[in-house]
């Protein structure tokens, strides 16, 4: 019966009358929720030892689900970056989201999920294609920035997954 109740839930949501401001707030809230969930999931993974499976598969049953979640987070970060660029936001927000792109791409690389690698690559290419300025220069410029922030973030993310000691370091905490 759960598909029926999900259908009722989403139909009720669909037929609810929202203003344009309400739709924008819901959209921004979903993007911010995905990004915040990434931080919460990664903080949860630091409760475990560096070579435990949890550091690689997260809260999910296998690494493939984890990499799909990372791709959702990458999409949310890229959309936020695109919106910041179109609204001419503060440079610090742009730097924050660029570092977010590098961090999420680094964790995607660490999951060793080939489908996630392909999907992450496709998401970044789609983001680069949506740049409205001079296509050739902006594509090369933002491709270089993406490679640079990923190269900067990868050693930090690798060290976080492999070498940062767990918060719950004693055996008693695991029981």
N, C-alpha and C. Protein backbone atom coordinates (compact mmCIF):
# COMPACT_ATOMS: atom_id res chain seq x y z
N UNK A 1 0.81 -1.22 0.00
CA UNK A 1 0.00 0.00 0.00
C UNK A 1 0.84 1.27 0.00
N UNK A 2 2.14 1.15 0.29
CA UNK A 2 2.93 2.37 0.38
C UNK A 2 3.01 3.14 -0.94
N UNK A 3 3.03 2.50 -2.13
CA UNK A 3 3.02 3.33 -3.35
C UNK A 3 1.74 4.17 -3.47
N UNK A 4 0.64 3.62 -3.00
CA UNK A 4 -0.61 4.38 -3.03
C UNK A 4 -0.51 5.62 -2.14
N UNK A 5 0.03 5.45 -0.93
CA UNK A 5 0.14 6.59 -0.02
C UNK A 5 1.16 7.61 -0.50
N UNK A 6 2.25 7.14 -1.10
CA UNK A 6 3.19 8.11 -1.70
C UNK A 6 2.50 8.87 -2.83
N UNK A 7 1.69 8.16 -3.63
CA UNK A 7 0.95 8.84 -4.71
C UNK A 7 -0.01 9.87 -4.16
N UNK A 8 -0.71 9.55 -3.09
CA UNK A 8 -1.62 10.51 -2.47
C UNK A 8 -0.84 11.71 -1.93
N UNK A 9 0.28 11.43 -1.27
CA UNK A 9 1.10 12.50 -0.72
C UNK A 9 1.57 13.46 -1.81
N UNK A 10 2.12 12.91 -2.89
CA UNK A 10 2.65 13.77 -3.95
C UNK A 10 1.54 14.46 -4.74
N UNK A 11 0.40 13.83 -4.89
CA UNK A 11 -0.73 14.50 -5.54
C UNK A 11 -1.23 15.67 -4.70
N UNK A 12 -1.29 15.46 -3.38
CA UNK A 12 -1.69 16.58 -2.50
C UNK A 12 -0.68 17.72 -2.60
N UNK A 13 0.59 17.37 -2.65
CA UNK A 13 1.63 18.39 -2.79
C UNK A 13 1.50 19.10 -4.15
N UNK A 14 1.22 18.33 -5.19
CA UNK A 14 1.12 18.89 -6.54
C UNK A 14 -0.06 19.85 -6.65
N UNK A 15 -1.17 19.53 -6.02
CA UNK A 15 -2.37 20.36 -6.13
C UNK A 15 -2.39 21.53 -5.15
N UNK A 16 -1.41 21.62 -4.27
CA UNK A 16 -1.34 22.75 -3.35
C UNK A 16 -0.89 23.98 -4.11
N UNK A 17 -1.56 25.09 -3.84
CA UNK A 17 -1.25 26.33 -4.55
C UNK A 17 -0.10 27.05 -3.83
N UNK A 18 1.03 27.18 -4.52
CA UNK A 18 2.20 27.87 -3.98
C UNK A 18 2.43 29.15 -4.77
N UNK A 19 2.91 30.17 -4.07
CA UNK A 19 3.34 31.38 -4.77
C UNK A 19 4.73 31.13 -5.35
N UNK A 20 5.18 32.03 -6.19
CA UNK A 20 6.52 31.89 -6.78
C UNK A 20 7.60 31.94 -5.69
N UNK A 21 7.40 32.79 -4.68
CA UNK A 21 8.36 32.87 -3.57
C UNK A 21 8.39 31.56 -2.78
N UNK A 22 7.22 30.94 -2.58
CA UNK A 22 7.18 29.65 -1.88
C UNK A 22 7.91 28.58 -2.67
N UNK A 23 7.75 28.55 -3.97
CA UNK A 23 8.44 27.57 -4.81
C UNK A 23 9.96 27.78 -4.75
N UNK A 24 10.37 29.03 -4.78
CA UNK A 24 11.80 29.33 -4.69
C UNK A 24 12.35 28.89 -3.33
N UNK A 25 11.60 29.13 -2.27
CA UNK A 25 12.05 28.73 -0.94
C UNK A 25 12.14 27.21 -0.81
N UNK A 26 11.18 26.49 -1.38
CA UNK A 26 11.21 25.03 -1.34
C UNK A 26 12.41 24.52 -2.13
N UNK A 27 12.65 25.09 -3.29
CA UNK A 27 13.77 24.67 -4.12
C UNK A 27 15.10 24.92 -3.41
N UNK A 28 15.28 26.10 -2.85
CA UNK A 28 16.52 26.41 -2.13
C UNK A 28 16.65 25.53 -0.89
N UNK A 29 15.54 25.24 -0.22
CA UNK A 29 15.58 24.38 0.95
C UNK A 29 15.99 22.96 0.60
N UNK A 30 15.53 22.45 -0.54
CA UNK A 30 15.94 21.11 -0.96
C UNK A 30 17.43 21.07 -1.28
N UNK A 31 17.93 22.10 -1.97
CA UNK A 31 19.35 22.13 -2.29
C UNK A 31 20.18 22.23 -1.02
N UNK A 32 19.79 23.13 -0.11
CA UNK A 32 20.53 23.28 1.14
C UNK A 32 20.44 22.02 1.99
N UNK A 33 19.30 21.34 1.96
CA UNK A 33 19.15 20.09 2.71
C UNK A 33 20.07 19.00 2.21
N UNK A 34 20.22 18.89 0.89
CA UNK A 34 21.15 17.90 0.34
C UNK A 34 22.59 18.20 0.75
N UNK A 35 22.97 19.46 0.69
CA UNK A 35 24.34 19.84 1.05
C UNK A 35 24.57 19.62 2.54
N UNK A 36 23.60 19.97 3.36
CA UNK A 36 23.72 19.75 4.80
C UNK A 36 23.77 18.25 5.13
N UNK A 37 22.99 17.44 4.41
CA UNK A 37 23.00 15.99 4.63
C UNK A 37 24.38 15.42 4.32
N UNK A 38 25.06 15.97 3.31
CA UNK A 38 26.41 15.52 3.00
C UNK A 38 27.33 15.73 4.21
N UNK A 39 27.26 16.91 4.82
CA UNK A 39 28.10 17.18 5.99
C UNK A 39 27.74 16.27 7.15
N UNK A 40 26.46 16.03 7.36
CA UNK A 40 26.02 15.16 8.46
C UNK A 40 26.49 13.72 8.21
N UNK A 41 26.35 13.23 6.99
CA UNK A 41 26.76 11.86 6.68
C UNK A 41 28.27 11.70 6.85
N UNK A 42 29.03 12.68 6.39
CA UNK A 42 30.48 12.59 6.52
C UNK A 42 30.90 12.68 7.97
N UNK A 43 30.23 13.50 8.76
CA UNK A 43 30.54 13.58 10.20
C UNK A 43 30.24 12.25 10.87
N UNK A 44 29.15 11.60 10.46
CA UNK A 44 28.83 10.28 11.00
C UNK A 44 29.92 9.26 10.66
N UNK A 45 30.47 9.35 9.48
CA UNK A 45 31.51 8.39 9.07
C UNK A 45 32.78 8.55 9.90
N UNK A 46 33.04 9.75 10.42
CA UNK A 46 34.24 9.95 11.23
C UNK A 46 34.11 9.35 12.63
N UNK A 47 32.94 8.81 12.96
CA UNK A 47 32.80 8.11 14.23
C UNK A 47 33.47 6.75 14.18
N UNK A 48 33.79 6.27 12.99
CA UNK A 48 34.34 4.93 12.83
C UNK A 48 35.82 4.99 12.47
N UNK A 49 36.47 3.85 12.55
CA UNK A 49 37.90 3.77 12.28
C UNK A 49 38.18 4.00 10.79
N UNK A 50 39.39 4.44 10.45
CA UNK A 50 39.70 4.77 9.06
C UNK A 50 39.50 3.65 8.06
N UNK A 51 39.72 2.39 8.42
CA UNK A 51 39.60 1.32 7.43
C UNK A 51 38.27 0.58 7.53
N UNK A 52 37.33 1.10 8.30
CA UNK A 52 36.01 0.50 8.36
C UNK A 52 35.25 0.79 7.07
N UNK A 53 34.31 -0.09 6.76
CA UNK A 53 33.50 0.10 5.55
C UNK A 53 32.66 1.37 5.60
N UNK A 54 32.30 1.79 6.79
CA UNK A 54 31.42 2.95 6.91
C UNK A 54 32.06 4.20 6.32
N UNK A 55 33.36 4.31 6.39
CA UNK A 55 34.02 5.48 5.81
C UNK A 55 33.86 5.54 4.29
N UNK A 56 33.55 4.39 3.67
CA UNK A 56 33.44 4.34 2.22
C UNK A 56 32.01 4.21 1.72
N UNK A 57 31.18 3.49 2.47
CA UNK A 57 29.81 3.31 1.99
C UNK A 57 28.83 4.21 2.69
N UNK A 58 29.26 4.95 3.70
CA UNK A 58 28.38 5.88 4.39
C UNK A 58 27.27 5.15 5.12
N UNK A 59 26.10 5.73 5.16
CA UNK A 59 24.96 5.14 5.84
C UNK A 59 24.25 4.13 4.96
N UNK A 60 24.73 3.92 3.77
CA UNK A 60 24.03 3.10 2.80
C UNK A 60 24.53 1.67 2.84
N UNK A 61 23.83 0.79 2.15
CA UNK A 61 24.17 -0.63 2.20
C UNK A 61 25.37 -0.98 1.33
N UNK A 62 25.68 -0.16 0.36
CA UNK A 62 26.86 -0.44 -0.47
C UNK A 62 27.40 0.86 -1.06
N UNK A 63 28.62 0.85 -1.59
CA UNK A 63 29.23 2.06 -2.12
C UNK A 63 28.49 2.64 -3.33
N UNK A 64 27.76 1.82 -4.08
CA UNK A 64 27.03 2.35 -5.24
C UNK A 64 25.94 3.32 -4.80
N UNK A 65 25.24 3.00 -3.72
CA UNK A 65 24.24 3.93 -3.20
C UNK A 65 24.90 5.19 -2.67
N UNK A 66 26.06 5.03 -2.06
CA UNK A 66 26.79 6.18 -1.55
C UNK A 66 27.21 7.12 -2.68
N UNK A 67 27.71 6.57 -3.78
CA UNK A 67 28.15 7.41 -4.88
C UNK A 67 26.95 8.09 -5.56
N UNK A 68 25.80 7.43 -5.58
CA UNK A 68 24.62 8.10 -6.13
C UNK A 68 24.19 9.27 -5.26
N UNK A 69 24.29 9.10 -3.94
CA UNK A 69 24.01 10.23 -3.05
C UNK A 69 24.99 11.36 -3.30
N UNK A 70 26.28 11.03 -3.46
CA UNK A 70 27.28 12.05 -3.76
C UNK A 70 26.96 12.78 -5.07
N UNK A 71 26.44 12.06 -6.04
CA UNK A 71 26.07 12.71 -7.31
C UNK A 71 24.90 13.66 -7.12
N UNK A 72 23.94 13.30 -6.26
CA UNK A 72 22.86 14.23 -5.94
C UNK A 72 23.41 15.48 -5.27
N UNK A 73 24.36 15.29 -4.35
CA UNK A 73 24.97 16.44 -3.67
C UNK A 73 25.75 17.28 -4.68
N UNK A 74 26.47 16.64 -5.59
CA UNK A 74 27.20 17.37 -6.62
C UNK A 74 26.25 18.20 -7.47
N UNK A 75 25.12 17.61 -7.84
CA UNK A 75 24.13 18.35 -8.61
C UNK A 75 23.64 19.57 -7.82
N UNK A 76 23.37 19.39 -6.53
CA UNK A 76 22.90 20.51 -5.71
C UNK A 76 23.96 21.60 -5.61
N UNK A 77 25.21 21.23 -5.43
CA UNK A 77 26.29 22.22 -5.33
C UNK A 77 26.47 22.95 -6.66
N UNK A 78 26.40 22.22 -7.77
CA UNK A 78 26.53 22.87 -9.08
C UNK A 78 25.38 23.82 -9.36
N UNK A 79 24.16 23.45 -8.96
CA UNK A 79 23.02 24.34 -9.15
C UNK A 79 23.18 25.59 -8.29
N UNK A 80 23.62 25.42 -7.03
CA UNK A 80 23.85 26.59 -6.17
C UNK A 80 24.96 27.48 -6.74
N UNK A 81 26.00 26.88 -7.29
CA UNK A 81 27.08 27.65 -7.91
C UNK A 81 26.57 28.41 -9.12
N UNK A 82 25.76 27.76 -9.92
CA UNK A 82 25.18 28.42 -11.10
C UNK A 82 24.28 29.59 -10.69
N UNK A 83 23.47 29.38 -9.66
CA UNK A 83 22.59 30.46 -9.20
C UNK A 83 23.39 31.61 -8.61
N UNK A 84 24.47 31.30 -7.90
CA UNK A 84 25.34 32.37 -7.37
C UNK A 84 25.99 33.16 -8.49
N UNK A 85 26.38 32.48 -9.54
CA UNK A 85 27.00 33.17 -10.67
C UNK A 85 26.00 34.06 -11.41
N UNK A 86 24.78 33.56 -11.59
CA UNK A 86 23.79 34.35 -12.33
C UNK A 86 23.28 35.54 -11.52
N UNK A 87 23.26 35.40 -10.19
CA UNK A 87 22.79 36.50 -9.34
C UNK A 87 23.92 37.42 -8.89
N UNK A 88 25.14 37.16 -9.36
CA UNK A 88 26.31 37.97 -9.01
C UNK A 88 26.49 38.04 -7.49
N UNK A 89 26.52 36.88 -6.86
CA UNK A 89 26.64 36.80 -5.41
C UNK A 89 28.05 37.14 -4.95
N UNK A 90 28.21 37.13 -3.66
CA UNK A 90 29.48 37.42 -3.02
C UNK A 90 30.54 36.41 -3.47
N UNK A 91 31.78 36.87 -3.59
CA UNK A 91 32.89 36.00 -4.03
C UNK A 91 33.14 34.85 -3.05
N UNK A 92 32.86 35.08 -1.76
CA UNK A 92 33.07 34.03 -0.78
C UNK A 92 32.12 32.86 -0.99
N UNK A 93 30.88 33.15 -1.39
CA UNK A 93 29.94 32.07 -1.70
C UNK A 93 30.40 31.29 -2.91
N UNK A 94 30.91 32.00 -3.91
CA UNK A 94 31.44 31.30 -5.09
C UNK A 94 32.60 30.39 -4.71
N UNK A 95 33.51 30.90 -3.87
CA UNK A 95 34.64 30.09 -3.42
C UNK A 95 34.15 28.88 -2.62
N UNK A 96 33.17 29.07 -1.77
CA UNK A 96 32.61 27.98 -0.97
C UNK A 96 32.03 26.89 -1.87
N UNK A 97 31.27 27.29 -2.87
CA UNK A 97 30.66 26.28 -3.74
C UNK A 97 31.68 25.64 -4.68
N UNK A 98 32.69 26.39 -5.11
CA UNK A 98 33.75 25.76 -5.91
C UNK A 98 34.49 24.73 -5.09
N UNK A 99 34.81 25.05 -3.83
CA UNK A 99 35.46 24.06 -2.97
C UNK A 99 34.54 22.88 -2.70
N UNK A 100 33.23 23.14 -2.64
CA UNK A 100 32.27 22.06 -2.51
C UNK A 100 32.28 21.12 -3.71
N UNK A 101 32.39 21.70 -4.90
CA UNK A 101 32.48 20.88 -6.12
C UNK A 101 33.72 19.98 -6.05
N UNK A 102 34.85 20.55 -5.67
CA UNK A 102 36.07 19.75 -5.57
C UNK A 102 35.98 18.68 -4.51
N UNK A 103 35.36 19.00 -3.39
CA UNK A 103 35.24 18.03 -2.30
C UNK A 103 34.33 16.87 -2.70
N UNK A 104 33.18 17.18 -3.26
CA UNK A 104 32.25 16.12 -3.63
C UNK A 104 32.83 15.27 -4.77
N UNK A 105 33.48 15.91 -5.73
CA UNK A 105 34.12 15.12 -6.79
C UNK A 105 35.21 14.21 -6.22
N UNK A 106 35.94 14.69 -5.22
CA UNK A 106 36.97 13.87 -4.59
C UNK A 106 36.37 12.65 -3.90
N UNK A 107 35.26 12.85 -3.19
CA UNK A 107 34.62 11.71 -2.55
C UNK A 107 34.01 10.77 -3.58
N UNK A 108 33.56 11.30 -4.71
CA UNK A 108 33.07 10.43 -5.78
C UNK A 108 34.21 9.57 -6.32
N UNK A 109 35.37 10.17 -6.48
CA UNK A 109 36.53 9.41 -6.96
C UNK A 109 36.91 8.33 -5.94
N UNK A 110 36.83 8.65 -4.65
CA UNK A 110 37.22 7.69 -3.62
C UNK A 110 36.27 6.50 -3.50
N UNK A 111 35.05 6.63 -3.97
CA UNK A 111 34.12 5.50 -3.85
C UNK A 111 34.42 4.39 -4.84
N UNK A 112 35.19 4.67 -5.86
CA UNK A 112 35.58 3.72 -6.89
C UNK A 112 34.35 3.11 -7.56
N UNK A 113 33.33 3.91 -7.75
CA UNK A 113 32.16 3.47 -8.49
C UNK A 113 32.19 4.06 -9.89
N UNK A 114 32.40 3.22 -10.87
CA UNK A 114 32.56 3.71 -12.25
C UNK A 114 31.33 4.47 -12.74
N UNK A 115 30.16 3.99 -12.37
CA UNK A 115 28.94 4.69 -12.80
C UNK A 115 28.86 6.07 -12.16
N UNK A 116 29.29 6.18 -10.92
CA UNK A 116 29.33 7.47 -10.26
C UNK A 116 30.34 8.41 -10.91
N UNK A 117 31.47 7.85 -11.33
CA UNK A 117 32.46 8.66 -12.03
C UNK A 117 31.87 9.22 -13.32
N UNK A 118 31.19 8.37 -14.06
CA UNK A 118 30.59 8.81 -15.32
C UNK A 118 29.51 9.85 -15.07
N UNK A 119 28.65 9.59 -14.09
CA UNK A 119 27.58 10.54 -13.79
C UNK A 119 28.14 11.86 -13.27
N UNK A 120 29.17 11.83 -12.45
CA UNK A 120 29.81 13.06 -11.99
C UNK A 120 30.41 13.84 -13.14
N UNK A 121 31.06 13.13 -14.06
CA UNK A 121 31.62 13.78 -15.24
C UNK A 121 30.52 14.42 -16.09
N UNK A 122 29.42 13.70 -16.29
CA UNK A 122 28.30 14.24 -17.08
C UNK A 122 27.70 15.48 -16.40
N UNK A 123 27.55 15.44 -15.08
CA UNK A 123 27.01 16.60 -14.36
C UNK A 123 27.91 17.82 -14.50
N UNK A 124 29.21 17.61 -14.39
CA UNK A 124 30.14 18.74 -14.54
C UNK A 124 30.12 19.28 -15.96
N UNK A 125 30.07 18.40 -16.95
CA UNK A 125 30.03 18.86 -18.35
C UNK A 125 28.73 19.62 -18.62
N UNK A 126 27.61 19.13 -18.09
CA UNK A 126 26.35 19.87 -18.26
C UNK A 126 26.42 21.23 -17.60
N UNK A 127 27.04 21.30 -16.42
CA UNK A 127 27.22 22.60 -15.77
C UNK A 127 28.06 23.53 -16.64
N UNK A 128 29.13 23.00 -17.21
CA UNK A 128 29.99 23.82 -18.05
C UNK A 128 29.28 24.26 -19.32
N UNK A 129 28.39 23.44 -19.84
CA UNK A 129 27.66 23.81 -21.04
C UNK A 129 26.61 24.89 -20.79
N UNK A 130 26.13 24.98 -19.56
CA UNK A 130 25.10 25.97 -19.24
C UNK A 130 25.66 27.36 -18.96
N UNK A 131 26.96 27.53 -19.02
CA UNK A 131 27.53 28.86 -18.83
C UNK A 131 27.14 29.73 -20.01
N UNK A 132 26.60 30.90 -19.75
CA UNK A 132 26.00 31.73 -20.80
C UNK A 132 27.00 32.63 -21.53
N UNK A 133 28.18 32.75 -21.03
CA UNK A 133 29.13 33.67 -21.66
C UNK A 133 29.78 33.02 -22.88
N UNK A 134 30.89 33.61 -23.31
CA UNK A 134 31.62 33.10 -24.46
C UNK A 134 31.94 31.62 -24.22
N UNK A 135 31.42 30.77 -25.11
CA UNK A 135 31.43 29.33 -24.84
C UNK A 135 32.85 28.77 -24.72
N UNK A 136 33.71 29.07 -25.65
CA UNK A 136 35.03 28.46 -25.65
C UNK A 136 35.87 28.86 -24.45
N UNK A 137 35.93 30.16 -24.17
CA UNK A 137 36.75 30.64 -23.06
C UNK A 137 36.18 30.20 -21.71
N UNK A 138 34.86 30.30 -21.54
CA UNK A 138 34.28 29.93 -20.25
C UNK A 138 34.37 28.43 -20.02
N UNK A 139 34.22 27.65 -21.07
CA UNK A 139 34.33 26.19 -20.92
C UNK A 139 35.72 25.80 -20.46
N UNK A 140 36.73 26.38 -21.08
CA UNK A 140 38.12 26.07 -20.71
C UNK A 140 38.43 26.61 -19.32
N UNK A 141 37.98 27.82 -19.03
CA UNK A 141 38.24 28.44 -17.73
C UNK A 141 37.62 27.63 -16.60
N UNK A 142 36.34 27.30 -16.72
CA UNK A 142 35.66 26.58 -15.64
C UNK A 142 36.06 25.11 -15.59
N UNK A 143 36.49 24.54 -16.71
CA UNK A 143 37.06 23.19 -16.67
C UNK A 143 38.35 23.20 -15.86
N UNK A 144 39.17 24.20 -16.10
CA UNK A 144 40.42 24.32 -15.35
C UNK A 144 40.18 24.54 -13.87
N UNK A 145 39.20 25.37 -13.53
CA UNK A 145 38.88 25.60 -12.12
C UNK A 145 38.39 24.32 -11.47
N UNK A 146 37.55 23.55 -12.19
CA UNK A 146 37.04 22.30 -11.64
C UNK A 146 38.17 21.31 -11.39
N UNK A 147 39.08 21.19 -12.32
CA UNK A 147 40.23 20.29 -12.14
C UNK A 147 41.10 20.78 -10.98
N UNK A 148 41.31 22.08 -10.89
CA UNK A 148 42.15 22.64 -9.83
C UNK A 148 41.55 22.40 -8.45
N UNK A 149 40.26 22.70 -8.27
CA UNK A 149 39.67 22.52 -6.93
C UNK A 149 39.59 21.03 -6.57
N UNK A 150 39.41 20.16 -7.56
CA UNK A 150 39.41 18.73 -7.26
C UNK A 150 40.82 18.27 -6.88
N UNK A 151 41.82 18.78 -7.56
CA UNK A 151 43.20 18.42 -7.23
C UNK A 151 43.60 18.94 -5.85
N UNK A 152 43.07 20.08 -5.46
CA UNK A 152 43.36 20.62 -4.12
C UNK A 152 42.61 19.82 -3.06
N UNK A 153 41.36 19.47 -3.32
CA UNK A 153 40.53 18.81 -2.30
C UNK A 153 40.82 17.32 -2.17
N UNK A 154 41.32 16.68 -3.23
CA UNK A 154 41.49 15.23 -3.18
C UNK A 154 42.44 14.77 -2.08
N UNK A 155 43.62 15.36 -1.92
CA UNK A 155 44.49 14.88 -0.82
C UNK A 155 43.86 15.07 0.56
N UNK A 156 43.11 16.13 0.73
CA UNK A 156 42.44 16.36 2.02
C UNK A 156 41.34 15.33 2.26
N UNK A 157 40.57 15.03 1.23
CA UNK A 157 39.50 14.05 1.37
C UNK A 157 40.08 12.64 1.56
N UNK A 158 41.16 12.35 0.87
CA UNK A 158 41.81 11.05 1.04
C UNK A 158 42.34 10.91 2.46
N UNK A 159 42.96 11.97 2.97
CA UNK A 159 43.46 11.93 4.35
C UNK A 159 42.30 11.80 5.33
N UNK A 160 41.18 12.44 5.03
CA UNK A 160 40.02 12.33 5.92
C UNK A 160 39.48 10.91 5.94
N UNK A 161 39.45 10.26 4.80
CA UNK A 161 38.91 8.90 4.73
C UNK A 161 39.88 7.87 5.30
N UNK A 162 41.18 8.12 5.19
CA UNK A 162 42.16 7.10 5.57
C UNK A 162 42.84 7.34 6.92
N UNK A 163 43.12 8.60 7.26
CA UNK A 163 44.07 8.83 8.35
C UNK A 163 43.51 9.58 9.55
N UNK A 164 42.39 10.26 9.42
CA UNK A 164 41.86 10.97 10.59
C UNK A 164 41.36 9.93 11.59
N UNK A 165 41.82 10.01 12.82
CA UNK A 165 41.38 9.01 13.80
C UNK A 165 39.90 9.16 14.12
N UNK A 166 39.28 8.07 14.55
CA UNK A 166 37.85 8.13 14.83
C UNK A 166 37.55 8.94 16.09
N UNK A 167 36.36 9.45 16.15
CA UNK A 167 35.94 10.20 17.34
C UNK A 167 35.66 9.22 18.47
N UNK A 168 35.03 8.09 18.15
CA UNK A 168 34.78 7.04 19.15
C UNK A 168 35.89 6.02 19.01
N UNK A 169 36.98 6.24 19.70
CA UNK A 169 38.16 5.42 19.46
C UNK A 169 38.20 4.17 20.33
N UNK A 170 37.43 4.09 21.38
CA UNK A 170 37.52 2.96 22.29
C UNK A 170 36.51 1.88 21.91
N UNK A 171 36.87 0.62 22.17
CA UNK A 171 36.04 -0.51 21.79
C UNK A 171 34.67 -0.46 22.48
N UNK A 172 34.63 0.06 23.69
CA UNK A 172 33.38 0.13 24.44
C UNK A 172 32.33 0.94 23.70
N UNK A 173 32.74 1.96 22.98
CA UNK A 173 31.79 2.81 22.25
C UNK A 173 31.06 2.03 21.17
N UNK A 174 31.67 0.99 20.62
CA UNK A 174 31.05 0.24 19.55
C UNK A 174 29.95 -0.69 20.05
N UNK A 175 29.87 -0.90 21.34
CA UNK A 175 28.84 -1.75 21.91
C UNK A 175 27.82 -0.94 22.67
